[in-house]
């Protein structure tokens, strides 16, 4: 059973920027563009940072409506639902 704090946050634990930067160092994006999806995007900051400076089209899915609204400001397209409903 999840802790009360975890339940309240709906299991929301944003990826720290330093971790996103480390992940980015292992990735290459094609010059012609690509699609990038984060199925649990939170506020969209991680995927936005990960794809900054690329021609990637960004997509996110977020269960929490407030975080989905924030993600919609950071990413190209966002669905506010569970990933299994997307």
C-alpha atoms as a PDB file:
ATOM      1  CA  UNK A   1       0.000   0.000   0.000  1.00  0.00           C
ATOM      2  CA  UNK A   2       1.316   3.441  -0.948  1.00  0.00           C
ATOM      3  CA  UNK A   3       2.179   6.025   1.652  1.00  0.00           C
ATOM      4  CA  UNK A   4      -0.376   8.842   2.132  1.00  0.00           C
ATOM      5  CA  UNK A   5       2.003  11.446   0.669  1.00  0.00           C
ATOM      6  CA  UNK A   6       2.570   9.316  -2.414  1.00  0.00           C
ATOM      7  CA  UNK A   7      -1.157   8.885  -2.863  1.00  0.00           C
ATOM      8  CA  UNK A   8      -1.723  12.608  -2.553  1.00  0.00           C
ATOM      9  CA  UNK A   9       0.902  13.283  -5.222  1.00  0.00           C
ATOM     10  CA  UNK A  10      -0.493  10.416  -7.378  1.00  0.00           C
ATOM     11  CA  UNK A  11       3.007   8.952  -7.446  1.00  0.00           C
ATOM     12  CA  UNK A  12       4.427  12.192  -8.922  1.00  0.00           C
ATOM     13  CA  UNK A  13       8.184  12.364  -8.589  1.00  0.00           C
ATOM     14  CA  UNK A  14       9.671  14.694 -11.240  1.00  0.00           C
ATOM     15  CA  UNK A  15      12.919  13.639 -12.842  1.00  0.00           C
ATOM     16  CA  UNK A  16      15.700  15.928 -11.582  1.00  0.00           C
ATOM     17  CA  UNK A  17      17.227  18.174 -14.282  1.00  0.00           C
ATOM     18  CA  UNK A  18      20.690  16.664 -13.714  1.00  0.00           C
ATOM     19  CA  UNK A  19      19.292  13.209 -14.533  1.00  0.00           C
ATOM     20  CA  UNK A  20      17.594  14.537 -17.682  1.00  0.00           C
ATOM     21  CA  UNK A  21      20.897  16.111 -18.754  1.00  0.00           C
ATOM     22  CA  UNK A  22      22.708  12.797 -18.213  1.00  0.00           C
ATOM     23  CA  UNK A  23      20.050  10.964 -20.252  1.00  0.00           C
ATOM     24  CA  UNK A  24      20.416  13.546 -23.030  1.00  0.00           C
ATOM     25  CA  UNK A  25      24.139  12.871 -23.227  1.00  0.00           C
ATOM     26  CA  UNK A  26      23.338   9.316 -24.367  1.00  0.00           C
ATOM     27  CA  UNK A  27      20.778  10.301 -27.020  1.00  0.00           C
ATOM     28  CA  UNK A  28      21.017  11.550 -30.556  1.00  0.00           C
ATOM     29  CA  UNK A  29      18.141  13.137 -32.449  1.00  0.00           C
ATOM     30  CA  UNK A  30      17.871  13.090 -36.242  1.00  0.00           C
ATOM     31  CA  UNK A  31      18.295  16.407 -38.037  1.00  0.00           C
ATOM     32  CA  UNK A  32      15.025  15.862 -39.893  1.00  0.00           C
ATOM     33  CA  UNK A  33      12.989  15.596 -36.699  1.00  0.00           C
ATOM     34  CA  UNK A  34      11.307  12.776 -34.812  1.00  0.00           C
ATOM     35  CA  UNK A  35       8.537  12.155 -32.324  1.00  0.00           C
ATOM     36  CA  UNK A  36       9.124  11.888 -28.574  1.00  0.00           C
ATOM     37  CA  UNK A  37       6.526  10.593 -26.106  1.00  0.00           C
ATOM     38  CA  UNK A  38       6.495  10.723 -22.325  1.00  0.00           C
ATOM     39  CA  UNK A  39       3.604   8.501 -21.140  1.00  0.00           C
ATOM     40  CA  UNK A  40       3.765   9.914 -17.587  1.00  0.00           C
ATOM     41  CA  UNK A  41       4.886  13.455 -18.389  1.00  0.00           C
ATOM     42  CA  UNK A  42       3.969  15.316 -15.217  1.00  0.00           C
ATOM     43  CA  UNK A  43       4.414  18.999 -16.016  1.00  0.00           C
ATOM     44  CA  UNK A  44       6.373  18.203 -19.189  1.00  0.00           C
ATOM     45  CA  UNK A  45       9.634  19.709 -17.985  1.00  0.00           C
ATOM     46  CA  UNK A  46      11.746  16.570 -18.421  1.00  0.00           C
ATOM     47  CA  UNK A  47      10.729  15.889 -22.015  1.00  0.00           C
ATOM     48  CA  UNK A  48      10.955  19.577 -22.920  1.00  0.00           C
ATOM     49  CA  UNK A  49      14.494  19.713 -21.521  1.00  0.00           C
ATOM     50  CA  UNK A  50      15.436  16.415 -23.136  1.00  0.00           C
ATOM     51  CA  UNK A  51      14.371  17.592 -26.594  1.00  0.00           C
ATOM     52  CA  UNK A  52      15.444  21.248 -26.329  1.00  0.00           C
ATOM     53  CA  UNK A  53      17.329  22.359 -29.416  1.00  0.00           C
ATOM     54  CA  UNK A  54      16.024  19.476 -31.533  1.00  0.00           C
ATOM     55  CA  UNK A  55      13.263  19.241 -34.125  1.00  0.00           C
ATOM     56  CA  UNK A  56      11.400  16.631 -32.078  1.00  0.00           C
ATOM     57  CA  UNK A  57       7.616  16.746 -31.937  1.00  0.00           C
ATOM     58  CA  UNK A  58       6.745  16.222 -28.288  1.00  0.00           C
ATOM     59  CA  UNK A  59       3.778  14.319 -26.915  1.00  0.00           C
ATOM     60  CA  UNK A  60       2.804  13.735 -23.312  1.00  0.00           C
ATOM     61  CA  UNK A  61       0.200  11.844 -21.346  1.00  0.00           C
ATOM     62  CA  UNK A  62      -0.603  12.880 -17.775  1.00  0.00           C
ATOM     63  CA  UNK A  63      -3.247  11.576 -15.402  1.00  0.00           C
ATOM     64  CA  UNK A  64      -3.445  14.654 -13.132  1.00  0.00           C
ATOM     65  CA  UNK A  65      -5.441  17.471 -14.827  1.00  0.00           C
ATOM     66  CA  UNK A  66      -3.409  20.321 -13.313  1.00  0.00           C
ATOM     67  CA  UNK A  67      -0.095  18.828 -14.330  1.00  0.00           C
ATOM     68  CA  UNK A  68      -1.507  18.047 -17.778  1.00  0.00           C
ATOM     69  CA  UNK A  69      -2.364  21.747 -18.208  1.00  0.00           C
ATOM     70  CA  UNK A  70       1.187  22.696 -17.209  1.00  0.00           C
ATOM     71  CA  UNK A  71       2.593  20.099 -19.619  1.00  0.00           C
ATOM     72  CA  UNK A  72       0.466  21.520 -22.441  1.00  0.00           C
ATOM     73  CA  UNK A  73       2.428  24.765 -22.085  1.00  0.00           C
ATOM     74  CA  UNK A  74       5.770  22.906 -22.362  1.00  0.00           C
ATOM     75  CA  UNK A  75       5.036  20.203 -24.938  1.00  0.00           C
ATOM     76  CA  UNK A  76       3.471  20.051 -28.386  1.00  0.00           C
ATOM     77  CA  UNK A  77       0.490  17.826 -27.562  1.00  0.00           C
ATOM     78  CA  UNK A  78      -0.759  16.471 -24.233  1.00  0.00           C
ATOM     79  CA  UNK A  79      -3.570  14.108 -23.301  1.00  0.00           C
ATOM     80  CA  UNK A  80      -5.036  14.290 -19.808  1.00  0.00           C
ATOM     81  CA  UNK A  81      -5.823  10.635 -19.119  1.00  0.00           C
ATOM     82  CA  UNK A  82      -4.190   7.405 -18.065  1.00  0.00           C
ATOM     83  CA  UNK A  83      -1.703   6.025 -20.577  1.00  0.00           C
ATOM     84  CA  UNK A  84      -3.816   2.905 -20.947  1.00  0.00           C
ATOM     85  CA  UNK A  85      -6.654   5.073 -22.289  1.00  0.00           C
ATOM     86  CA  UNK A  86      -4.477   6.880 -24.809  1.00  0.00           C
END
